[in-house]
Amino acid sequence: MYYQKVYNTIPRLYMGGVSEHLADWEDILLHFDMSVEDDEVWEIARGCKEIPHLGNIYQSLIIGRLTSLFFEQLDLAEDDERIKVFTFVNDFDSHFCINGEAINTLDEFMAKVDDIKSTLHQH
């Protein structure tokens, strides 16, 4: 069940309404010694006129960092048109996809990096 999942770094305050894949996304970042700090979430939250959904802010930062990390692994600019990134953050319905495939685990992340590297070297 979703609520039994243990999150690595996400504070309890953010846990209401987050993707079931959030802990796995955190694992990817942690593998590369990366994370999102509370200060980053609060900096964005302070700029909101209404009480924000902290989980969405946290997920957005996580997914943004994953996107940057992905392009870094490929040694490409984030605006490289050969790579199609789709991200969506809305409570439980949050997604991180590369070239039409959901990336939710470290294995999927690394496999997609390897797949794209091999494709790029063929051209």
PDB file of N, CA and C in Angstrom:
ATOM      1  N   MET A   1       0.843  -1.192   0.000  1.00  0.00           N
ATOM      2  CA  MET A   1       0.000   0.000   0.000  1.00  0.00           C
ATOM      3  C   MET A   1       0.878   1.241   0.000  1.00  0.00           C
ATOM      4  N   TYR A   2       0.409   2.266  -0.620  1.00  0.00           N
ATOM      5  CA  TYR A   2       1.160   3.505  -0.798  1.00  0.00           C
ATOM      6  C   TYR A   2       1.648   4.083   0.519  1.00  0.00           C
ATOM      7  N   TYR A   3       0.803   4.186   1.523  1.00  0.00           N
ATOM      8  CA  TYR A   3       1.179   4.864   2.759  1.00  0.00           C
ATOM      9  C   TYR A   3       2.198   4.088   3.584  1.00  0.00           C
ATOM     10  N   GLN A   4       2.437   2.838   3.237  1.00  0.00           N
ATOM     11  CA  GLN A   4       3.437   2.059   3.954  1.00  0.00           C
ATOM     12  C   GLN A   4       4.833   2.288   3.385  1.00  0.00           C
ATOM     13  N   LYS A   5       4.908   2.953   2.269  1.00  0.00           N
ATOM     14  CA  LYS A   5       6.200   3.208   1.635  1.00  0.00           C
ATOM     15  C   LYS A   5       7.020   4.152   2.509  1.00  0.00           C
ATOM     16  N   VAL A   6       8.285   3.878   2.631  1.00  0.00           N
ATOM     17  CA  VAL A   6       9.163   4.713   3.443  1.00  0.00           C
ATOM     18  C   VAL A   6       9.885   5.692   2.528  1.00  0.00           C
ATOM     19  N   TYR A   7       9.763   6.960   2.837  1.00  0.00           N
ATOM     20  CA  TYR A   7      10.443   7.986   2.060  1.00  0.00           C
ATOM     21  C   TYR A   7      11.804   8.254   2.666  1.00  0.00           C
ATOM     22  N   ASN A   8      12.758   8.538   1.820  1.00  0.00           N
ATOM     23  CA  ASN A   8      14.132   8.743   2.264  1.00  0.00           C
ATOM     24  C   ASN A   8      14.310  10.056   3.011  1.00  0.00           C
ATOM     25  N   THR A   9      13.923  11.140   2.391  1.00  0.00           N
ATOM     26  CA  THR A   9      14.211  12.442   2.976  1.00  0.00           C
ATOM     27  C   THR A   9      12.999  13.342   3.093  1.00  0.00           C
ATOM     28  N   ILE A  10      11.895  12.971   2.497  1.00  0.00           N
ATOM     29  CA  ILE A  10      10.739  13.867   2.469  1.00  0.00           C
ATOM     30  C   ILE A  10      10.154  14.052   3.870  1.00  0.00           C
ATOM     31  N   PRO A  11      10.089  15.281   4.319  1.00  0.00           N
ATOM     32  CA  PRO A  11       9.497  15.527   5.634  1.00  0.00           C
ATOM     33  C   PRO A  11       8.020  15.162   5.651  1.00  0.00           C
ATOM     34  N   ARG A  12       7.532  14.749   6.792  1.00  0.00           N
ATOM     35  CA  ARG A  12       6.134  14.349   6.940  1.00  0.00           C
ATOM     36  C   ARG A  12       5.172  15.436   6.468  1.00  0.00           C
ATOM     37  N   LEU A  13       5.541  16.678   6.640  1.00  0.00           N
ATOM     38  CA  LEU A  13       4.678  17.787   6.267  1.00  0.00           C
ATOM     39  C   LEU A  13       4.337  17.770   4.781  1.00  0.00           C
ATOM     40  N   TYR A  14       5.209  17.216   3.948  1.00  0.00           N
ATOM     41  CA  TYR A  14       4.999  17.215   2.505  1.00  0.00           C
ATOM     42  C   TYR A  14       4.231  15.982   2.028  1.00  0.00           C
ATOM     43  N   MET A  15       4.025  14.996   2.886  1.00  0.00           N
ATOM     44  CA  MET A  15       3.587  13.686   2.426  1.00  0.00           C
ATOM     45  C   MET A  15       2.165  13.633   1.896  1.00  0.00           C
ATOM     46  N   GLY A  16       1.297  14.552   2.289  1.00  0.00           N
ATOM     47  CA  GLY A  16      -0.062  14.505   1.790  1.00  0.00           C
ATOM     48  C   GLY A  16      -0.103  14.772   0.304  1.00  0.00           C
ATOM     49  N   GLY A  17      -0.569  13.819  -0.460  1.00  0.00           N
ATOM     50  CA  GLY A  17      -0.751  14.015  -1.878  1.00  0.00           C
ATOM     51  C   GLY A  17       0.514  14.092  -2.691  1.00  0.00           C
ATOM     52  N   VAL A  18       1.296  13.027  -2.679  1.00  0.00           N
ATOM     53  CA  VAL A  18       2.486  12.956  -3.528  1.00  0.00           C
ATOM     54  C   VAL A  18       2.457  11.648  -4.318  1.00  0.00           C
ATOM     55  N   SER A  19       3.207  11.615  -5.383  1.00  0.00           N
ATOM     56  CA  SER A  19       3.271  10.433  -6.237  1.00  0.00           C
ATOM     57  C   SER A  19       3.813   9.227  -5.482  1.00  0.00           C
ATOM     58  N   GLU A  20       3.314   8.073  -5.848  1.00  0.00           N
ATOM     59  CA  GLU A  20       3.832   6.837  -5.271  1.00  0.00           C
ATOM     60  C   GLU A  20       5.285   6.596  -5.690  1.00  0.00           C
ATOM     61  N   HIS A  21       5.762   7.325  -6.683  1.00  0.00           N
ATOM     62  CA  HIS A  21       7.128   7.157  -7.184  1.00  0.00           C
ATOM     63  C   HIS A  21       8.126   8.114  -6.538  1.00  0.00           C
ATOM     64  N   LEU A  22       7.667   8.963  -5.646  1.00  0.00           N
ATOM     65  CA  LEU A  22       8.550   9.979  -5.082  1.00  0.00           C
ATOM     66  C   LEU A  22       9.775   9.383  -4.390  1.00  0.00           C
ATOM     67  N   ALA A  23       9.594   8.353  -3.595  1.00  0.00           N
ATOM     68  CA  ALA A  23      10.733   7.738  -2.894  1.00  0.00           C
ATOM     69  C   ALA A  23      11.749   7.181  -3.894  1.00  0.00           C
ATOM     70  N   ASP A  24      11.253   6.618  -4.990  1.00  0.00           N
ATOM     71  CA  ASP A  24      12.161   6.097  -6.017  1.00  0.00           C
ATOM     72  C   ASP A  24      12.912   7.225  -6.717  1.00  0.00           C
ATOM     73  N   TRP A  25      12.228   8.344  -6.964  1.00  0.00           N
ATOM     74  CA  TRP A  25      12.911   9.494  -7.567  1.00  0.00           C
ATOM     75  C   TRP A  25      13.992  10.017  -6.631  1.00  0.00           C
ATOM     76  N   GLU A  26      13.668  10.040  -5.328  1.00  0.00           N
ATOM     77  CA  GLU A  26      14.680  10.447  -4.343  1.00  0.00           C
ATOM     78  C   GLU A  26      15.880   9.506  -4.392  1.00  0.00           C
ATOM     79  N   ASP A  27      15.615   8.206  -4.530  1.00  0.00           N
ATOM     80  CA  ASP A  27      16.699   7.216  -4.595  1.00  0.00           C
ATOM     81  C   ASP A  27      17.651   7.500  -5.755  1.00  0.00           C
ATOM     82  N   ILE A  28      17.093   7.901  -6.889  1.00  0.00           N
ATOM     83  CA  ILE A  28      17.941   8.231  -8.039  1.00  0.00           C
ATOM     84  C   ILE A  28      18.872   9.381  -7.673  1.00  0.00           C
ATOM     85  N   LEU A  29      18.301  10.439  -7.110  1.00  0.00           N
ATOM     86  CA  LEU A  29      19.129  11.587  -6.728  1.00  0.00           C
ATOM     87  C   LEU A  29      20.162  11.199  -5.679  1.00  0.00           C
ATOM     88  N   LEU A  30      19.753  10.430  -4.685  1.00  0.00           N
ATOM     89  CA  LEU A  30      20.678  10.031  -3.620  1.00  0.00           C
ATOM     90  C   LEU A  30      21.836   9.203  -4.164  1.00  0.00           C
ATOM     91  N   HIS A  31      21.566   8.400  -5.190  1.00  0.00           N
ATOM     92  CA  HIS A  31      22.623   7.613  -5.823  1.00  0.00           C
ATOM     93  C   HIS A  31      23.740   8.519  -6.350  1.00  0.00           C
ATOM     94  N   PHE A  32      23.370   9.713  -6.766  1.00  0.00           N
ATOM     95  CA  PHE A  32      24.332  10.687  -7.289  1.00  0.00           C
ATOM     96  C   PHE A  32      24.672  11.760  -6.251  1.00  0.00           C
ATOM     97  N   ASP A  33      24.412  11.447  -4.977  1.00  0.00           N
ATOM     98  CA  ASP A  33      24.676  12.375  -3.864  1.00  0.00           C
ATOM     99  C   ASP A  33      23.977  13.715  -4.047  1.00  0.00           C
ATOM    100  N   MET A  34      22.747  13.658  -4.504  1.00  0.00           N
ATOM    101  CA  MET A  34      21.948  14.864  -4.692  1.00  0.00           C
ATOM    102  C   MET A  34      20.668  14.739  -3.869  1.00  0.00           C
ATOM    103  N   SER A  35      20.093  15.879  -3.537  1.00  0.00           N
ATOM    104  CA  SER A  35      18.820  15.890  -2.816  1.00  0.00           C
ATOM    105  C   SER A  35      18.191  17.263  -2.970  1.00  0.00           C
ATOM    106  N   VAL A  36      17.015  17.410  -2.405  1.00  0.00           N
ATOM    107  CA  VAL A  36      16.342  18.701  -2.311  1.00  0.00           C
ATOM    108  C   VAL A  36      16.239  19.018  -0.831  1.00  0.00           C
ATOM    109  N   GLU A  37      16.660  20.194  -0.464  1.00  0.00           N
ATOM    110  CA  GLU A  37      16.678  20.603   0.943  1.00  0.00           C
ATOM    111  C   GLU A  37      15.410  21.372   1.301  1.00  0.00           C
ATOM    112  N   ASP A  38      15.039  21.305   2.578  1.00  0.00           N
ATOM    113  CA  ASP A  38      13.864  22.034   3.063  1.00  0.00           C
ATOM    114  C   ASP A  38      13.930  23.514   2.721  1.00  0.00           C
ATOM    115  N   ASP A  39      15.111  24.098   2.823  1.00  0.00           N
ATOM    116  CA  ASP A  39      15.260  25.529   2.538  1.00  0.00           C
ATOM    117  C   ASP A  39      14.777  25.876   1.129  1.00  0.00           C
ATOM    118  N   GLU A  40      15.015  24.977   0.188  1.00  0.00           N
ATOM    119  CA  GLU A  40      14.591  25.222  -1.191  1.00  0.00           C
ATOM    120  C   GLU A  40      13.070  25.245  -1.301  1.00  0.00           C
ATOM    121  N   VAL A  41      12.421  24.311  -0.605  1.00  0.00           N
ATOM    122  CA  VAL A  41      10.957  24.247  -0.614  1.00  0.00           C
ATOM    123  C   VAL A  41      10.381  25.497   0.031  1.00  0.00           C
ATOM    124  N   TRP A  42      10.928  25.859   1.186  1.00  0.00           N
ATOM    125  CA  TRP A  42      10.403  27.012   1.919  1.00  0.00           C
ATOM    126  C   TRP A  42      10.640  28.319   1.168  1.00  0.00           C
ATOM    127  N   GLU A  43      11.742  28.419   0.442  1.00  0.00           N
ATOM    128  CA  GLU A  43      12.005  29.628  -0.335  1.00  0.00           C
ATOM    129  C   GLU A  43      10.901  29.851  -1.374  1.00  0.00           C
ATOM    130  N   ILE A  44      10.492  28.780  -2.030  1.00  0.00           N
ATOM    131  CA  ILE A  44       9.406  28.882  -3.009  1.00  0.00           C
ATOM    132  C   ILE A  44       8.078  29.142  -2.308  1.00  0.00           C
ATOM    133  N   ALA A  45       7.833  28.419  -1.212  1.00  0.00           N
ATOM    134  CA  ALA A  45       6.563  28.563  -0.486  1.00  0.00           C
ATOM    135  C   ALA A  45       6.368  29.987   0.023  1.00  0.00           C
ATOM    136  N   ARG A  46       7.430  30.607   0.477  1.00  0.00           N
ATOM    137  CA  ARG A  46       7.327  31.984   0.989  1.00  0.00           C
ATOM    138  C   ARG A  46       6.864  32.966  -0.081  1.00  0.00           C
ATOM    139  N   GLY A  47       7.100  32.665  -1.328  1.00  0.00           N
ATOM    140  CA  GLY A  47       6.695  33.553  -2.410  1.00  0.00           C
ATOM    141  C   GLY A  47       5.250  33.373  -2.858  1.00  0.00           C
ATOM    142  N   CYS A  48       4.544  32.416  -2.274  1.00  0.00           N
ATOM    143  CA  CYS A  48       3.155  32.146  -2.662  1.00  0.00           C
ATOM    144  C   CYS A  48       2.187  33.044  -1.899  1.00  0.00           C
ATOM    145  N   LYS A  49       1.161  33.520  -2.595  1.00  0.00           N
ATOM    146  CA  LYS A  49       0.151  34.366  -1.954  1.00  0.00           C
ATOM    147  C   LYS A  49      -0.814  33.542  -1.107  1.00  0.00           C
ATOM    148  N   GLU A  50      -1.063  32.299  -1.515  1.00  0.00           N
ATOM    149  CA  GLU A  50      -1.940  31.398  -0.770  1.00  0.00           C
ATOM    150  C   GLU A  50      -1.104  30.241  -0.240  1.00  0.00           C
ATOM    151  N   ILE A  51      -1.652  29.506   0.713  1.00  0.00           N
ATOM    152  CA  ILE A  51      -0.928  28.364   1.278  1.00  0.00           C
ATOM    153  C   ILE A  51      -0.669  27.360   0.157  1.00  0.00           C
ATOM    154  N   PRO A  52       0.592  27.076  -0.114  1.00  0.00           N
ATOM    155  CA  PRO A  52       0.916  26.177  -1.230  1.00  0.00           C
ATOM    156  C   PRO A  52       0.840  24.708  -0.821  1.00  0.00           C
ATOM    157  N   HIS A  53       0.799  23.858  -1.815  1.00  0.00           N
ATOM    158  CA  HIS A  53       0.886  22.409  -1.617  1.00  0.00           C
ATOM    159  C   HIS A  53       2.378  22.090  -1.548  1.00  0.00           C
ATOM    160  N   LEU A  54       2.893  21.898  -0.358  1.00  0.00           N
ATOM    161  CA  LEU A  54       4.331  21.689  -0.183  1.00  0.00           C
ATOM    162  C   LEU A  54       4.824  20.437  -0.892  1.00  0.00           C
ATOM    163  N   GLY A  55       3.978  19.420  -0.945  1.00  0.00           N
ATOM    164  CA  GLY A  55       4.353  18.201  -1.664  1.00  0.00           C
ATOM    165  C   GLY A  55       4.588  18.460  -3.141  1.00  0.00           C
ATOM    166  N   ASN A  56       3.763  19.311  -3.731  1.00  0.00           N
ATOM    167  CA  ASN A  56       3.955  19.649  -5.145  1.00  0.00           C
ATOM    168  C   ASN A  56       5.236  20.442  -5.360  1.00  0.00           C
ATOM    169  N   ILE A  57       5.528  21.358  -4.455  1.00  0.00           N
ATOM    170  CA  ILE A  57       6.781  22.111  -4.565  1.00  0.00           C
ATOM    171  C   ILE A  57       7.962  21.146  -4.484  1.00  0.00           C
ATOM    172  N   TYR A  58       7.920  20.256  -3.503  1.00  0.00           N
ATOM    173  CA  TYR A  58       9.002  19.285  -3.310  1.00  0.00           C
ATOM    174  C   TYR A  58       9.162  18.396  -4.548  1.00  0.00           C
ATOM    175  N   GLN A  59       8.034  17.852  -5.036  1.00  0.00           N
ATOM    176  CA  GLN A  59       8.095  16.985  -6.217  1.00  0.00           C
ATOM    177  C   GLN A  59       8.622  17.738  -7.436  1.00  0.00           C
ATOM    178  N   SER A  60       8.202  18.975  -7.596  1.00  0.00           N
ATOM    179  CA  SER A  60       8.658  19.780  -8.722  1.00  0.00           C
ATOM    180  C   SER A  60      10.174  19.977  -8.675  1.00  0.00           C
ATOM    181  N   LEU A  61      10.694  20.242  -7.496  1.00  0.00           N
ATOM    182  CA  LEU A  61      12.141  20.396  -7.343  1.00  0.00           C
ATOM    183  C   LEU A  61      12.870  19.081  -7.618  1.00  0.00           C
ATOM    184  N   ILE A  62      12.324  17.976  -7.115  1.00  0.00           N
ATOM    185  CA  ILE A  62      12.922  16.651  -7.344  1.00  0.00           C
ATOM    186  C   ILE A  62      12.964  16.352  -8.842  1.00  0.00           C
ATOM    187  N   ILE A  63      11.827  16.529  -9.510  1.00  0.00           N
ATOM    188  CA  ILE A  63      11.750  16.218 -10.940  1.00  0.00           C
ATOM    189  C   ILE A  63      12.637  17.158 -11.753  1.00  0.00           C
ATOM    190  N   GLY A  64      12.696  18.408 -11.368  1.00  0.00           N
ATOM    191  CA  GLY A  64      13.592  19.342 -12.048  1.00  0.00           C
ATOM    192  C   GLY A  64      15.042  18.927 -11.923  1.00  0.00           C
ATOM    193  N   ARG A  65      15.407  18.480 -10.736  1.00  0.00           N
ATOM    194  CA  ARG A  65      16.777  18.026 -10.516  1.00  0.00           C
ATOM    195  C   ARG A  65      17.049  16.740 -11.298  1.00  0.00           C
ATOM    196  N   LEU A  66      16.053  15.843 -11.376  1.00  0.00           N
ATOM    197  CA  LEU A  66      16.214  14.617 -12.166  1.00  0.00           C
ATOM    198  C   LEU A  66      16.434  14.942 -13.644  1.00  0.00           C
ATOM    199  N   THR A  67      15.684  15.907 -14.143  1.00  0.00           N
ATOM    200  CA  THR A  67      15.826  16.309 -15.542  1.00  0.00           C
ATOM    201  C   THR A  67      17.237  16.827 -15.803  1.00  0.00           C
ATOM    202  N   SER A  68      17.710  17.711 -14.941  1.00  0.00           N
ATOM    203  CA  SER A  68      19.072  18.246 -15.094  1.00  0.00           C
ATOM    204  C   SER A  68      20.111  17.140 -15.017  1.00  0.00           C
ATOM    205  N   LEU A  69      19.939  16.238 -14.071  1.00  0.00           N
ATOM    206  CA  LEU A  69      20.865  15.121 -13.901  1.00  0.00           C
ATOM    207  C   LEU A  69      20.892  14.238 -15.144  1.00  0.00           C
ATOM    208  N   PHE A  70      19.721  13.988 -15.708  1.00  0.00           N
ATOM    209  CA  PHE A  70      19.640  13.147 -16.898  1.00  0.00           C
ATOM    210  C   PHE A  70      20.470  13.735 -18.036  1.00  0.00           C
ATOM    211  N   PHE A  71      20.271  15.021 -18.301  1.00  0.00           N
ATOM    212  CA  PHE A  71      21.031  15.668 -19.377  1.00  0.00           C
ATOM    213  C   PHE A  71      22.521  15.733 -19.044  1.00  0.00           C
ATOM    214  N   GLU A  72      22.834  15.906 -17.777  1.00  0.00           N
ATOM    215  CA  GLU A  72      24.238  15.914 -17.355  1.00  0.00           C
ATOM    216  C   GLU A  72      24.890  14.562 -17.648  1.00  0.00           C
ATOM    217  N   GLN A  73      24.163  13.470 -17.391  1.00  0.00           N
ATOM    218  CA  GLN A  73      24.694  12.135 -17.657  1.00  0.00           C
ATOM    219  C   GLN A  73      24.964  11.923 -19.148  1.00  0.00           C
ATOM    220  N   LEU A  74      24.198  12.609 -19.980  1.00  0.00           N
ATOM    221  CA  LEU A  74      24.367  12.496 -21.432  1.00  0.00           C
ATOM    222  C   LEU A  74      25.336  13.526 -21.990  1.00  0.00           C
ATOM    223  N   ASP A  75      25.757  14.457 -21.148  1.00  0.00           N
ATOM    224  CA  ASP A  75      26.612  15.568 -21.569  1.00  0.00           C
ATOM    225  C   ASP A  75      25.947  16.372 -22.696  1.00  0.00           C
ATOM    226  N   LEU A  76      24.644  16.644 -22.494  1.00  0.00           N
ATOM    227  CA  LEU A  76      23.856  17.414 -23.455  1.00  0.00           C
ATOM    228  C   LEU A  76      23.225  18.611 -22.761  1.00  0.00           C
ATOM    229  N   ALA A  77      22.896  19.621 -23.533  1.00  0.00           N
ATOM    230  CA  ALA A  77      22.154  20.765 -23.004  1.00  0.00           C
ATOM    231  C   ALA A  77      20.697  20.351 -22.788  1.00  0.00           C
ATOM    232  N   GLU A  78      20.063  20.950 -21.788  1.00  0.00           N
ATOM    233  CA  GLU A  78      18.683  20.576 -21.471  1.00  0.00           C
ATOM    234  C   GLU A  78      17.691  20.930 -22.567  1.00  0.00           C
ATOM    235  N   ASP A  79      18.072  21.757 -23.496  1.00  0.00           N
ATOM    236  CA  ASP A  79      17.162  22.101 -24.594  1.00  0.00           C
ATOM    237  C   ASP A  79      17.436  21.278 -25.859  1.00  0.00           C
ATOM    238  N   ASP A  80      18.222  20.210 -25.728  1.00  0.00           N
ATOM    239  CA  ASP A  80      18.519  19.346 -26.869  1.00  0.00           C
ATOM    240  C   ASP A  80      17.215  18.707 -27.362  1.00  0.00           C
ATOM    241  N   GLU A  81      16.878  18.973 -28.608  1.00  0.00           N
ATOM    242  CA  GLU A  81      15.592  18.539 -29.154  1.00  0.00           C
ATOM    243  C   GLU A  81      15.513  17.046 -29.446  1.00  0.00           C
ATOM    244  N   ARG A  82      16.621  16.349 -29.374  1.00  0.00           N
ATOM    245  CA  ARG A  82      16.592  14.899 -29.598  1.00  0.00           C
ATOM    246  C   ARG A  82      16.005  14.155 -28.407  1.00  0.00           C
ATOM    247  N   ILE A  83      15.956  14.813 -27.271  1.00  0.00           N
ATOM    248  CA  ILE A  83      15.442  14.196 -26.046  1.00  0.00           C
ATOM    249  C   ILE A  83      14.129  14.868 -25.688  1.00  0.00           C
ATOM    250  N   LYS A  84      13.072  14.076 -25.578  1.00  0.00           N
ATOM    251  CA  LYS A  84      11.749  14.602 -25.234  1.00  0.00           C
ATOM    252  C   LYS A  84      11.467  14.306 -23.761  1.00  0.00           C
ATOM    253  N   VAL A  85      11.397  15.361 -22.981  1.00  0.00           N
ATOM    254  CA  VAL A  85      11.124  15.222 -21.549  1.00  0.00           C
ATOM    255  C   VAL A  85       9.695  15.681 -21.291  1.00  0.00           C
ATOM    256  N   PHE A  86       8.952  14.860 -20.562  1.00  0.00           N
ATOM    257  CA  PHE A  86       7.609  15.237 -20.131  1.00  0.00           C
ATOM    258  C   PHE A  86       7.584  15.143 -18.616  1.00  0.00           C
ATOM    259  N   THR A  87       7.241  16.239 -17.980  1.00  0.00           N
ATOM    260  CA  THR A  87       7.067  16.228 -16.528  1.00  0.00           C
ATOM    261  C   THR A  87       5.724  16.855 -16.208  1.00  0.00           C
ATOM    262  N   PHE A  88       5.120  16.366 -15.160  1.00  0.00           N
ATOM    263  CA  PHE A  88       3.831  16.882 -14.719  1.00  0.00           C
ATOM    264  C   PHE A  88       3.767  16.684 -13.217  1.00  0.00           C
ATOM    265  N   VAL A  89       3.414  17.736 -12.511  1.00  0.00           N
ATOM    266  CA  VAL A  89       3.322  17.650 -11.053  1.00  0.00           C
ATOM    267  C   VAL A  89       1.943  18.124 -10.626  1.00  0.00           C
ATOM    268  N   ASN A  90       1.192  17.214 -10.039  1.00  0.00           N
ATOM    269  CA  ASN A  90      -0.111  17.542  -9.476  1.00  0.00           C
ATOM    270  C   ASN A  90      -0.500  16.457  -8.482  1.00  0.00           C
ATOM    271  N   ASP A  91      -0.046  16.637  -7.234  1.00  0.00           N
ATOM    272  CA  ASP A  91      -0.471  15.737  -6.170  1.00  0.00           C
ATOM    273  C   ASP A  91      -0.004  14.315  -6.471  1.00  0.00           C
ATOM    274  N   PHE A  92      -0.932  13.354  -6.417  1.00  0.00           N
ATOM    275  CA  PHE A  92      -0.600  11.955  -6.685  1.00  0.00           C
ATOM    276  C   PHE A  92      -0.268  11.734  -8.160  1.00  0.00           C
ATOM    277  N   ASP A  93      -0.828  12.573  -9.026  1.00  0.00           N
ATOM    278  CA  ASP A  93      -0.695  12.434 -10.475  1.00  0.00           C
ATOM    279  C   ASP A  93       0.516  13.220 -10.968  1.00  0.00           C
ATOM    280  N   SER A  94       1.703  12.752 -10.629  1.00  0.00           N
ATOM    281  CA  SER A  94       2.948  13.417 -11.017  1.00  0.00           C
ATOM    282  C   SER A  94       3.805  12.441 -11.812  1.00  0.00           C
ATOM    283  N   HIS A  95       4.481  12.963 -12.851  1.00  0.00           N
ATOM    284  CA  HIS A  95       5.180  12.086 -13.792  1.00  0.00           C
ATOM    285  C   HIS A  95       6.523  12.663 -14.220  1.00  0.00           C
ATOM    286  N   PHE A  96       7.466  11.759 -14.494  1.00  0.00           N
ATOM    287  CA  PHE A  96       8.765  12.094 -15.070  1.00  0.00           C
ATOM    288  C   PHE A  96       9.004  11.097 -16.197  1.00  0.00           C
ATOM    289  N   CYS A  97       8.945  11.569 -17.439  1.00  0.00           N
ATOM    290  CA  CYS A  97       9.073  10.691 -18.602  1.00  0.00           C
ATOM    291  C   CYS A  97      10.150  11.212 -19.551  1.00  0.00           C
ATOM    292  N   ILE A  98      10.875  10.276 -20.140  1.00  0.00           N
ATOM    293  CA  ILE A  98      11.889  10.587 -21.143  1.00  0.00           C
ATOM    294  C   ILE A  98      11.535   9.817 -22.411  1.00  0.00           C
ATOM    295  N   ASN A  99      11.414  10.537 -23.511  1.00  0.00           N
ATOM    296  CA  ASN A  99      11.068   9.925 -24.803  1.00  0.00           C
ATOM    297  C   ASN A  99       9.880   8.971 -24.691  1.00  0.00           C
ATOM    298  N   GLY A 100       8.864   9.403 -23.952  1.00  0.00           N
ATOM    299  CA  GLY A 100       7.622   8.644 -23.845  1.00  0.00           C
ATOM    300  C   GLY A 100       7.610   7.529 -22.819  1.00  0.00           C
ATOM    301  N   GLU A 101       8.696   7.333 -22.095  1.00  0.00           N
ATOM    302  CA  GLU A 101       8.753   6.259 -21.097  1.00  0.00           C
ATOM    303  C   GLU A 101       8.860   6.836 -19.693  1.00  0.00           C
ATOM    304  N   ALA A 102       8.033   6.317 -18.793  1.00  0.00           N
ATOM    305  CA  ALA A 102       8.092   6.743 -17.396  1.00  0.00           C
ATOM    306  C   ALA A 102       9.417   6.295 -16.794  1.00  0.00           C
ATOM    307  N   ILE A 103      10.050   7.199 -16.072  1.00  0.00           N
ATOM    308  CA  ILE A 103      11.306   6.901 -15.383  1.00  0.00           C
ATOM    309  C   ILE A 103      11.012   7.008 -13.891  1.00  0.00           C
ATOM    310  N   ASN A 104      10.971   5.855 -13.230  1.00  0.00           N
ATOM    311  CA  ASN A 104      10.590   5.836 -11.821  1.00  0.00           C
ATOM    312  C   ASN A 104      11.605   5.174 -10.902  1.00  0.00           C
ATOM    313  N   THR A 105      12.598   4.510 -11.461  1.00  0.00           N
ATOM    314  CA  THR A 105      13.588   3.828 -10.624  1.00  0.00           C
ATOM    315  C   THR A 105      14.991   4.141 -11.132  1.00  0.00           C
ATOM    316  N   LEU A 106      15.972   3.867 -10.304  1.00  0.00           N
ATOM    317  CA  LEU A 106      17.363   4.052 -10.717  1.00  0.00           C
ATOM    318  C   LEU A 106      17.681   3.173 -11.922  1.00  0.00           C
ATOM    319  N   ASP A 107      17.203   1.934 -11.920  1.00  0.00           N
ATOM    320  CA  ASP A 107      17.456   1.041 -13.057  1.00  0.00           C
ATOM    321  C   ASP A 107      16.875   1.607 -14.350  1.00  0.00           C
ATOM    322  N   GLU A 108      15.648   2.138 -14.291  1.00  0.00           N
ATOM    323  CA  GLU A 108      15.029   2.728 -15.478  1.00  0.00           C
ATOM    324  C   GLU A 108      15.800   3.968 -15.931  1.00  0.00           C
ATOM    325  N   PHE A 109      16.232   4.764 -14.970  1.00  0.00           N
ATOM    326  CA  PHE A 109      16.998   5.976 -15.268  1.00  0.00           C
ATOM    327  C   PHE A 109      18.294   5.624 -15.991  1.00  0.00           C
ATOM    328  N   MET A 110      19.053   4.685 -15.422  1.00  0.00           N
ATOM    329  CA  MET A 110      20.341   4.313 -16.004  1.00  0.00           C
ATOM    330  C   MET A 110      20.162   3.618 -17.357  1.00  0.00           C
ATOM    331  N   ALA A 111      19.126   2.782 -17.475  1.00  0.00           N
ATOM    332  CA  ALA A 111      18.865   2.104 -18.752  1.00  0.00           C
ATOM    333  C   ALA A 111      18.539   3.121 -19.840  1.00  0.00           C
ATOM    334  N   LYS A 112      17.775   4.156 -19.499  1.00  0.00           N
ATOM    335  CA  LYS A 112      17.423   5.182 -20.488  1.00  0.00           C
ATOM    336  C   LYS A 112      18.657   6.005 -20.861  1.00  0.00           C
ATOM    337  N   VAL A 113      19.510   6.305 -19.894  1.00  0.00           N
ATOM    338  CA  VAL A 113      20.766   7.005 -20.196  1.00  0.00           C
ATOM    339  C   VAL A 113      21.587   6.167 -21.178  1.00  0.00           C
ATOM    340  N   ASP A 114      21.757   4.882 -20.869  1.00  0.00           N
ATOM    341  CA  ASP A 114      22.542   3.994 -21.741  1.00  0.00           C
ATOM    342  C   ASP A 114      21.917   3.876 -23.128  1.00  0.00           C
ATOM    343  N   ASP A 115      20.594   3.749 -23.178  1.00  0.00           N
ATOM    344  CA  ASP A 115      19.874   3.625 -24.446  1.00  0.00           C
ATOM    345  C   ASP A 115      20.098   4.859 -25.324  1.00  0.00           C
ATOM    346  N   ILE A 116      19.955   6.020 -24.738  1.00  0.00           N
ATOM    347  CA  ILE A 116      20.115   7.255 -25.512  1.00  0.00           C
ATOM    348  C   ILE A 116      21.576   7.465 -25.908  1.00  0.00           C
ATOM    349  N   LYS A 117      22.503   7.139 -25.014  1.00  0.00           N
ATOM    350  CA  LYS A 117      23.926   7.248 -25.372  1.00  0.00           C
ATOM    351  C   LYS A 117      24.245   6.379 -26.579  1.00  0.00           C
ATOM    352  N   SER A 118      23.750   5.145 -26.577  1.00  0.00           N
ATOM    353  CA  SER A 118      24.047   4.250 -27.698  1.00  0.00           C
ATOM    354  C   SER A 118      23.376   4.739 -28.979  1.00  0.00           C
ATOM    355  N   THR A 119      22.189   5.302 -28.874  1.00  0.00           N
ATOM    356  CA  THR A 119      21.492   5.850 -30.041  1.00  0.00           C
ATOM    357  C   THR A 119      22.237   7.056 -30.599  1.00  0.00           C
ATOM    358  N   LEU A 120      22.712   7.924 -29.731  1.00  0.00           N
ATOM    359  CA  LEU A 120      23.425   9.123 -30.177  1.00  0.00           C
ATOM    360  C   LEU A 120      24.744   8.778 -30.853  1.00  0.00           C
ATOM    361  N   HIS A 121      25.402   7.729 -30.378  1.00  0.00           N
ATOM    362  CA  HIS A 121      26.691   7.344 -30.953  1.00  0.00           C
ATOM    363  C   HIS A 121      26.536   6.651 -32.303  1.00  0.00           C
ATOM    364  N   GLN A 122      25.332   6.195 -32.626  1.00  0.00           N
ATOM    365  CA  GLN A 122      25.087   5.547 -33.917  1.00  0.00           C
ATOM    366  C   GLN A 122      24.988   6.566 -35.039  1.00  0.00           C
ATOM    367  N   HIS A 123      24.711   7.809 -34.687  1.00  0.00           N
ATOM    368  CA  HIS A 123      24.504   8.845 -35.715  1.00  0.00           C
ATOM    369  C   HIS A 123      25.748   9.643 -35.969  1.00  0.00           C
TER     370      HIS A 123
END
